[in-house]
Amino acid sequence: MKRKSTTSYEDIKNFLKEKYNYNPKNYAIAHAKEVFGLPLNTTSNRHGKRKWECPKRRLPQLEEAFKHFKMI
């Protein structure tokens, strides 16, 4: 059963920085959350399609972070 996540983007960034020496941008985390069907916070400044997407080679690392924090 999935639980409501209280994991911040900073938590995810810190995990990936320590494990892979990779510091993802917020847009990459948000796009990865979309890809894996996780809920996103609403934003007032985004209208329509995303301008930038998460690099495909980083999706497995972000998936691992989501699993680590029990988001998926």
PDB file of N, CA and C in Angstrom:
ATOM      1  N   MET A   1       0.830  -1.175   0.000  1.00  0.00           N
ATOM      2  CA  MET A   1       0.000   0.000   0.000  1.00  0.00           C
ATOM      3  C   MET A   1       0.883   1.249   0.000  1.00  0.00           C
ATOM      4  N   LYS A   2       0.567   2.177  -0.880  1.00  0.00           N
ATOM      5  CA  LYS A   2       1.321   3.418  -0.937  1.00  0.00           C
ATOM      6  C   LYS A   2       0.856   4.341   0.181  1.00  0.00           C
ATOM      7  N   ARG A   3       1.785   5.111   0.716  1.00  0.00           N
ATOM      8  CA  ARG A   3       1.420   6.066   1.755  1.00  0.00           C
ATOM      9  C   ARG A   3       1.644   7.477   1.237  1.00  0.00           C
ATOM     10  N   LYS A   4       0.982   8.411   1.897  1.00  0.00           N
ATOM     11  CA  LYS A   4       1.171   9.805   1.502  1.00  0.00           C
ATOM     12  C   LYS A   4       2.609  10.204   1.812  1.00  0.00           C
ATOM     13  N   SER A   5       3.263  10.788   0.847  1.00  0.00           N
ATOM     14  CA  SER A   5       4.674  11.121   0.993  1.00  0.00           C
ATOM     15  C   SER A   5       4.852  12.486   1.643  1.00  0.00           C
ATOM     16  N   THR A   6       5.770  12.542   2.576  1.00  0.00           N
ATOM     17  CA  THR A   6       6.165  13.815   3.160  1.00  0.00           C
ATOM     18  C   THR A   6       7.624  14.099   2.810  1.00  0.00           C
ATOM     19  N   THR A   7       8.106  13.394   1.816  1.00  0.00           N
ATOM     20  CA  THR A   7       9.479  13.551   1.368  1.00  0.00           C
ATOM     21  C   THR A   7       9.596  14.827   0.535  1.00  0.00           C
ATOM     22  N   SER A   8      10.569  15.651   0.863  1.00  0.00           N
ATOM     23  CA  SER A   8      10.757  16.895   0.117  1.00  0.00           C
ATOM     24  C   SER A   8      11.705  16.669  -1.058  1.00  0.00           C
ATOM     25  N   TYR A   9      11.694  17.623  -1.965  1.00  0.00           N
ATOM     26  CA  TYR A   9      12.626  17.569  -3.082  1.00  0.00           C
ATOM     27  C   TYR A   9      14.054  17.611  -2.558  1.00  0.00           C
ATOM     28  N   GLU A  10      14.279  18.342  -1.467  1.00  0.00           N
ATOM     29  CA  GLU A  10      15.619  18.415  -0.868  1.00  0.00           C
ATOM     30  C   GLU A  10      16.063  17.040  -0.368  1.00  0.00           C
ATOM     31  N   ASP A  11      15.148  16.263   0.218  1.00  0.00           N
ATOM     32  CA  ASP A  11      15.479  14.909   0.668  1.00  0.00           C
ATOM     33  C   ASP A  11      15.934  14.053  -0.512  1.00  0.00           C
ATOM     34  N   ILE A  12      15.205  14.148  -1.612  1.00  0.00           N
ATOM     35  CA  ILE A  12      15.538  13.376  -2.814  1.00  0.00           C
ATOM     36  C   ILE A  12      16.888  13.828  -3.368  1.00  0.00           C
ATOM     37  N   LYS A  13      17.101  15.135  -3.422  1.00  0.00           N
ATOM     38  CA  LYS A  13      18.377  15.667  -3.914  1.00  0.00           C
ATOM     39  C   LYS A  13      19.545  15.191  -3.063  1.00  0.00           C
ATOM     40  N   ASN A  14      19.385  15.245  -1.740  1.00  0.00           N
ATOM     41  CA  ASN A  14      20.453  14.811  -0.838  1.00  0.00           C
ATOM     42  C   ASN A  14      20.770  13.328  -1.011  1.00  0.00           C
ATOM     43  N   PHE A  15      19.730  12.499  -1.158  1.00  0.00           N
ATOM     44  CA  PHE A  15      19.922  11.061  -1.361  1.00  0.00           C
ATOM     45  C   PHE A  15      20.728  10.808  -2.639  1.00  0.00           C
ATOM     46  N   LEU A  16      20.335  11.453  -3.733  1.00  0.00           N
ATOM     47  CA  LEU A  16      21.006  11.235  -5.015  1.00  0.00           C
ATOM     48  C   LEU A  16      22.411  11.836  -5.026  1.00  0.00           C
ATOM     49  N   LYS A  17      22.606  12.929  -4.323  1.00  0.00           N
ATOM     50  CA  LYS A  17      23.934  13.550  -4.242  1.00  0.00           C
ATOM     51  C   LYS A  17      24.901  12.621  -3.502  1.00  0.00           C
ATOM     52  N   GLU A  18      24.438  12.027  -2.398  1.00  0.00           N
ATOM     53  CA  GLU A  18      25.287  11.126  -1.622  1.00  0.00           C
ATOM     54  C   GLU A  18      25.585   9.832  -2.375  1.00  0.00           C
ATOM     55  N   LYS A  19      24.552   9.273  -3.021  1.00  0.00           N
ATOM     56  CA  LYS A  19      24.717   7.964  -3.653  1.00  0.00           C
ATOM     57  C   LYS A  19      25.366   8.040  -5.033  1.00  0.00           C
ATOM     58  N   TYR A  20      24.995   9.037  -5.838  1.00  0.00           N
ATOM     59  CA  TYR A  20      25.450   9.097  -7.237  1.00  0.00           C
ATOM     60  C   TYR A  20      26.222  10.363  -7.587  1.00  0.00           C
ATOM     61  N   ASN A  21      26.404  11.249  -6.621  1.00  0.00           N
ATOM     62  CA  ASN A  21      27.027  12.543  -6.887  1.00  0.00           C
ATOM     63  C   ASN A  21      26.279  13.279  -8.004  1.00  0.00           C
ATOM     64  N   TYR A  22      24.958  13.180  -7.946  1.00  0.00           N
ATOM     65  CA  TYR A  22      24.065  13.790  -8.934  1.00  0.00           C
ATOM     66  C   TYR A  22      23.092  14.689  -8.186  1.00  0.00           C
ATOM     67  N   ASN A  23      23.007  15.935  -8.606  1.00  0.00           N
ATOM     68  CA  ASN A  23      22.107  16.894  -7.981  1.00  0.00           C
ATOM     69  C   ASN A  23      21.026  17.275  -8.988  1.00  0.00           C
ATOM     70  N   PRO A  24      19.867  16.598  -8.929  1.00  0.00           N
ATOM     71  CA  PRO A  24      18.834  16.856  -9.935  1.00  0.00           C
ATOM     72  C   PRO A  24      18.167  18.217  -9.748  1.00  0.00           C
ATOM     73  N   LYS A  25      17.709  18.755 -10.831  1.00  0.00           N
ATOM     74  CA  LYS A  25      16.935  19.999 -10.800  1.00  0.00           C
ATOM     75  C   LYS A  25      15.501  19.647 -10.403  1.00  0.00           C
ATOM     76  N   ASN A  26      14.783  20.621  -9.886  1.00  0.00           N
ATOM     77  CA  ASN A  26      13.396  20.389  -9.472  1.00  0.00           C
ATOM     78  C   ASN A  26      12.534  19.901 -10.631  1.00  0.00           C
ATOM     79  N   TYR A  27      12.762  20.438 -11.832  1.00  0.00           N
ATOM     80  CA  TYR A  27      11.954  20.014 -12.975  1.00  0.00           C
ATOM     81  C   TYR A  27      12.157  18.531 -13.277  1.00  0.00           C
ATOM     82  N   ALA A  28      13.366  18.012 -13.048  1.00  0.00           N
ATOM     83  CA  ALA A  28      13.636  16.597 -13.307  1.00  0.00           C
ATOM     84  C   ALA A  28      12.881  15.723 -12.307  1.00  0.00           C
ATOM     85  N   ILE A  29      12.860  16.142 -11.053  1.00  0.00           N
ATOM     86  CA  ILE A  29      12.128  15.381 -10.038  1.00  0.00           C
ATOM     87  C   ILE A  29      10.633  15.417 -10.343  1.00  0.00           C
ATOM     88  N   ALA A  30      10.114  16.587 -10.682  1.00  0.00           N
ATOM     89  CA  ALA A  30       8.692  16.719 -10.996  1.00  0.00           C
ATOM     90  C   ALA A  30       8.312  15.865 -12.207  1.00  0.00           C
ATOM     91  N   HIS A  31       9.140  15.881 -13.242  1.00  0.00           N
ATOM     92  CA  HIS A  31       8.837  15.077 -14.421  1.00  0.00           C
ATOM     93  C   HIS A  31       8.891  13.588 -14.094  1.00  0.00           C
ATOM     94  N   ALA A  32       9.880  13.171 -13.306  1.00  0.00           N
ATOM     95  CA  ALA A  32       9.983  11.767 -12.915  1.00  0.00           C
ATOM     96  C   ALA A  32       8.764  11.353 -12.089  1.00  0.00           C
ATOM     97  N   LYS A  33       8.280  12.240 -11.238  1.00  0.00           N
ATOM     98  CA  LYS A  33       7.074  11.935 -10.460  1.00  0.00           C
ATOM     99  C   LYS A  33       5.895  11.729 -11.398  1.00  0.00           C
ATOM    100  N   GLU A  34       5.805  12.540 -12.442  1.00  0.00           N
ATOM    101  CA  GLU A  34       4.753  12.365 -13.453  1.00  0.00           C
ATOM    102  C   GLU A  34       4.882  11.016 -14.133  1.00  0.00           C
ATOM    103  N   VAL A  35       6.103  10.654 -14.527  1.00  0.00           N
ATOM    104  CA  VAL A  35       6.359   9.394 -15.230  1.00  0.00           C
ATOM    105  C   VAL A  35       5.930   8.201 -14.378  1.00  0.00           C
ATOM    106  N   PHE A  36       6.207   8.254 -13.068  1.00  0.00           N
ATOM    107  CA  PHE A  36       5.903   7.138 -12.186  1.00  0.00           C
ATOM    108  C   PHE A  36       4.534   7.251 -11.533  1.00  0.00           C
ATOM    109  N   GLY A  37       3.733   8.222 -11.963  1.00  0.00           N
ATOM    110  CA  GLY A  37       2.362   8.339 -11.498  1.00  0.00           C
ATOM    111  C   GLY A  37       2.215   8.825 -10.067  1.00  0.00           C
ATOM    112  N   LEU A  38       3.183   9.582  -9.591  1.00  0.00           N
ATOM    113  CA  LEU A  38       3.117  10.114  -8.232  1.00  0.00           C
ATOM    114  C   LEU A  38       2.423  11.475  -8.248  1.00  0.00           C
ATOM    115  N   PRO A  39       1.743  11.822  -7.150  1.00  0.00           N
ATOM    116  CA  PRO A  39       1.053  13.116  -7.123  1.00  0.00           C
ATOM    117  C   PRO A  39       2.029  14.287  -7.104  1.00  0.00           C
ATOM    118  N   LEU A  40       1.631  15.341  -7.784  1.00  0.00           N
ATOM    119  CA  LEU A  40       2.444  16.559  -7.850  1.00  0.00           C
ATOM    120  C   LEU A  40       1.711  17.687  -7.149  1.00  0.00           C
ATOM    121  N   ASN A  41       2.473  18.600  -6.601  1.00  0.00           N
ATOM    122  CA  ASN A  41       1.879  19.820  -6.058  1.00  0.00           C
ATOM    123  C   ASN A  41       1.490  20.715  -7.224  1.00  0.00           C
ATOM    124  N   THR A  42       0.420  21.455  -7.052  1.00  0.00           N
ATOM    125  CA  THR A  42       0.023  22.381  -8.108  1.00  0.00           C
ATOM    126  C   THR A  42       0.922  23.611  -8.062  1.00  0.00           C
ATOM    127  N   THR A  43       1.155  24.168  -9.222  1.00  0.00           N
ATOM    128  CA  THR A  43       1.965  25.376  -9.315  1.00  0.00           C
ATOM    129  C   THR A  43       1.184  26.436 -10.080  1.00  0.00           C
ATOM    130  N   SER A  44       1.420  27.660  -9.748  1.00  0.00           N
ATOM    131  CA  SER A  44       0.701  28.741 -10.417  1.00  0.00           C
ATOM    132  C   SER A  44       1.417  29.220 -11.671  1.00  0.00           C
ATOM    133  N   ASN A  45       2.678  28.826 -11.822  1.00  0.00           N
ATOM    134  CA  ASN A  45       3.461  29.356 -12.940  1.00  0.00           C
ATOM    135  C   ASN A  45       3.612  28.385 -14.098  1.00  0.00           C
ATOM    136  N   ARG A  46       3.037  27.190 -14.020  1.00  0.00           N
ATOM    137  CA  ARG A  46       3.176  26.237 -15.121  1.00  0.00           C
ATOM    138  C   ARG A  46       1.833  26.079 -15.813  1.00  0.00           C
ATOM    139  N   HIS A  47       1.836  26.300 -17.104  1.00  0.00           N
ATOM    140  CA  HIS A  47       0.626  26.173 -17.912  1.00  0.00           C
ATOM    141  C   HIS A  47       0.934  25.266 -19.092  1.00  0.00           C
ATOM    142  N   GLY A  48       0.231  24.150 -19.166  1.00  0.00           N
ATOM    143  CA  GLY A  48       0.430  23.247 -20.290  1.00  0.00           C
ATOM    144  C   GLY A  48       1.588  22.289 -20.084  1.00  0.00           C
ATOM    145  N   LYS A  49       2.220  21.937 -21.200  1.00  0.00           N
ATOM    146  CA  LYS A  49       3.285  20.936 -21.200  1.00  0.00           C
ATOM    147  C   LYS A  49       4.566  21.455 -20.546  1.00  0.00           C
ATOM    148  N   ARG A  50       5.329  20.519 -19.982  1.00  0.00           N
ATOM    149  CA  ARG A  50       6.604  20.869 -19.351  1.00  0.00           C
ATOM    150  C   ARG A  50       7.596  21.386 -20.388  1.00  0.00           C
ATOM    151  N   LYS A  51       8.361  22.373 -19.980  1.00  0.00           N
ATOM    152  CA  LYS A  51       9.380  22.942 -20.861  1.00  0.00           C
ATOM    153  C   LYS A  51      10.589  22.006 -20.940  1.00  0.00           C
ATOM    154  N   TRP A  52      10.973  21.428 -19.789  1.00  0.00           N
ATOM    155  CA  TRP A  52      12.103  20.504 -19.736  1.00  0.00           C
ATOM    156  C   TRP A  52      11.657  19.195 -19.113  1.00  0.00           C
ATOM    157  N   GLU A  53      12.264  18.122 -19.543  1.00  0.00           N
ATOM    158  CA  GLU A  53      11.964  16.799 -18.999  1.00  0.00           C
ATOM    159  C   GLU A  53      13.191  16.232 -18.322  1.00  0.00           C
ATOM    160  N   CYS A  54      12.969  15.236 -17.471  1.00  0.00           N
ATOM    161  CA  CYS A  54      14.065  14.539 -16.812  1.00  0.00           C
ATOM    162  C   CYS A  54      14.833  13.738 -17.863  1.00  0.00           C
ATOM    163  N   PRO A  55      16.162  13.792 -17.841  1.00  0.00           N
ATOM    164  CA  PRO A  55      16.928  12.959 -18.777  1.00  0.00           C
ATOM    165  C   PRO A  55      16.603  11.475 -18.553  1.00  0.00           C
ATOM    166  N   LYS A  56      16.371  10.751 -19.644  1.00  0.00           N
ATOM    167  CA  LYS A  56      15.982   9.332 -19.544  1.00  0.00           C
ATOM    168  C   LYS A  56      16.993   8.508 -18.754  1.00  0.00           C
ATOM    169  N   ARG A  57      18.265   8.842 -18.839  1.00  0.00           N
ATOM    170  CA  ARG A  57      19.292   8.060 -18.140  1.00  0.00           C
ATOM    171  C   ARG A  57      19.222   8.267 -16.629  1.00  0.00           C
ATOM    172  N   ARG A  58      18.523   9.301 -16.171  1.00  0.00           N
ATOM    173  CA  ARG A  58      18.396   9.578 -14.737  1.00  0.00           C
ATOM    174  C   ARG A  58      17.126   8.996 -14.120  1.00  0.00           C
ATOM    175  N   LEU A  59      16.191   8.556 -14.946  1.00  0.00           N
ATOM    176  CA  LEU A  59      14.943   8.012 -14.417  1.00  0.00           C
ATOM    177  C   LEU A  59      15.151   6.821 -13.474  1.00  0.00           C
ATOM    178  N   PRO A  60      16.058   5.866 -13.778  1.00  0.00           N
ATOM    179  CA  PRO A  60      16.268   4.762 -12.831  1.00  0.00           C
ATOM    180  C   PRO A  60      16.789   5.237 -11.469  1.00  0.00           C
ATOM    181  N   GLN A  61      17.617   6.253 -11.452  1.00  0.00           N
ATOM    182  CA  GLN A  61      18.134   6.764 -10.190  1.00  0.00           C
ATOM    183  C   GLN A  61      17.024   7.449  -9.390  1.00  0.00           C
ATOM    184  N   LEU A  62      16.195   8.207 -10.066  1.00  0.00           N
ATOM    185  CA  LEU A  62      15.072   8.845  -9.383  1.00  0.00           C
ATOM    186  C   LEU A  62      14.066   7.804  -8.900  1.00  0.00           C
ATOM    187  N   GLU A  63      13.854   6.763  -9.695  1.00  0.00           N
ATOM    188  CA  GLU A  63      12.968   5.683  -9.264  1.00  0.00           C
ATOM    189  C   GLU A  63      13.508   5.043  -7.982  1.00  0.00           C
ATOM    190  N   GLU A  64      14.811   4.826  -7.924  1.00  0.00           N
ATOM    191  CA  GLU A  64      15.427   4.260  -6.728  1.00  0.00           C
ATOM    192  C   GLU A  64      15.209   5.172  -5.519  1.00  0.00           C
ATOM    193  N   ALA A  65      15.343   6.474  -5.715  1.00  0.00           N
ATOM    194  CA  ALA A  65      15.110   7.424  -4.620  1.00  0.00           C
ATOM    195  C   ALA A  65      13.656   7.365  -4.161  1.00  0.00           C
ATOM    196  N   PHE A  66      12.724   7.284  -5.096  1.00  0.00           N
ATOM    197  CA  PHE A  66      11.305   7.190  -4.733  1.00  0.00           C
ATOM    198  C   PHE A  66      11.036   5.917  -3.926  1.00  0.00           C
ATOM    199  N   LYS A  67      11.652   4.828  -4.332  1.00  0.00           N
ATOM    200  CA  LYS A  67      11.501   3.569  -3.596  1.00  0.00           C
ATOM    201  C   LYS A  67      12.158   3.663  -2.221  1.00  0.00           C
ATOM    202  N   HIS A  68      13.309   4.297  -2.153  1.00  0.00           N
ATOM    203  CA  HIS A  68      14.007   4.459  -0.880  1.00  0.00           C
ATOM    204  C   HIS A  68      13.123   5.194   0.137  1.00  0.00           C
ATOM    205  N   PHE A  69      12.423   6.215  -0.339  1.00  0.00           N
ATOM    206  CA  PHE A  69      11.543   6.999   0.534  1.00  0.00           C
ATOM    207  C   PHE A  69      10.116   6.451   0.582  1.00  0.00           C
ATOM    208  N   LYS A  70       9.936   5.231   0.038  1.00  0.00           N
ATOM    209  CA  LYS A  70       8.641   4.542   0.061  1.00  0.00           C
ATOM    210  C   LYS A  70       7.523   5.364  -0.590  1.00  0.00           C
ATOM    211  N   MET A  71       7.882   6.042  -1.656  1.00  0.00           N
ATOM    212  CA  MET A  71       6.893   6.812  -2.406  1.00  0.00           C
ATOM    213  C   MET A  71       6.211   5.913  -3.429  1.00  0.00           C
ATOM    214  N   ILE A  72       6.952   4.868  -3.876  1.00  0.00           N
ATOM    215  CA  ILE A  72       6.369   3.863  -4.788  1.00  0.00           C
ATOM    216  C   ILE A  72       6.728   2.489  -4.257  1.00  0.00           C
TER     217      ILE A  72
END
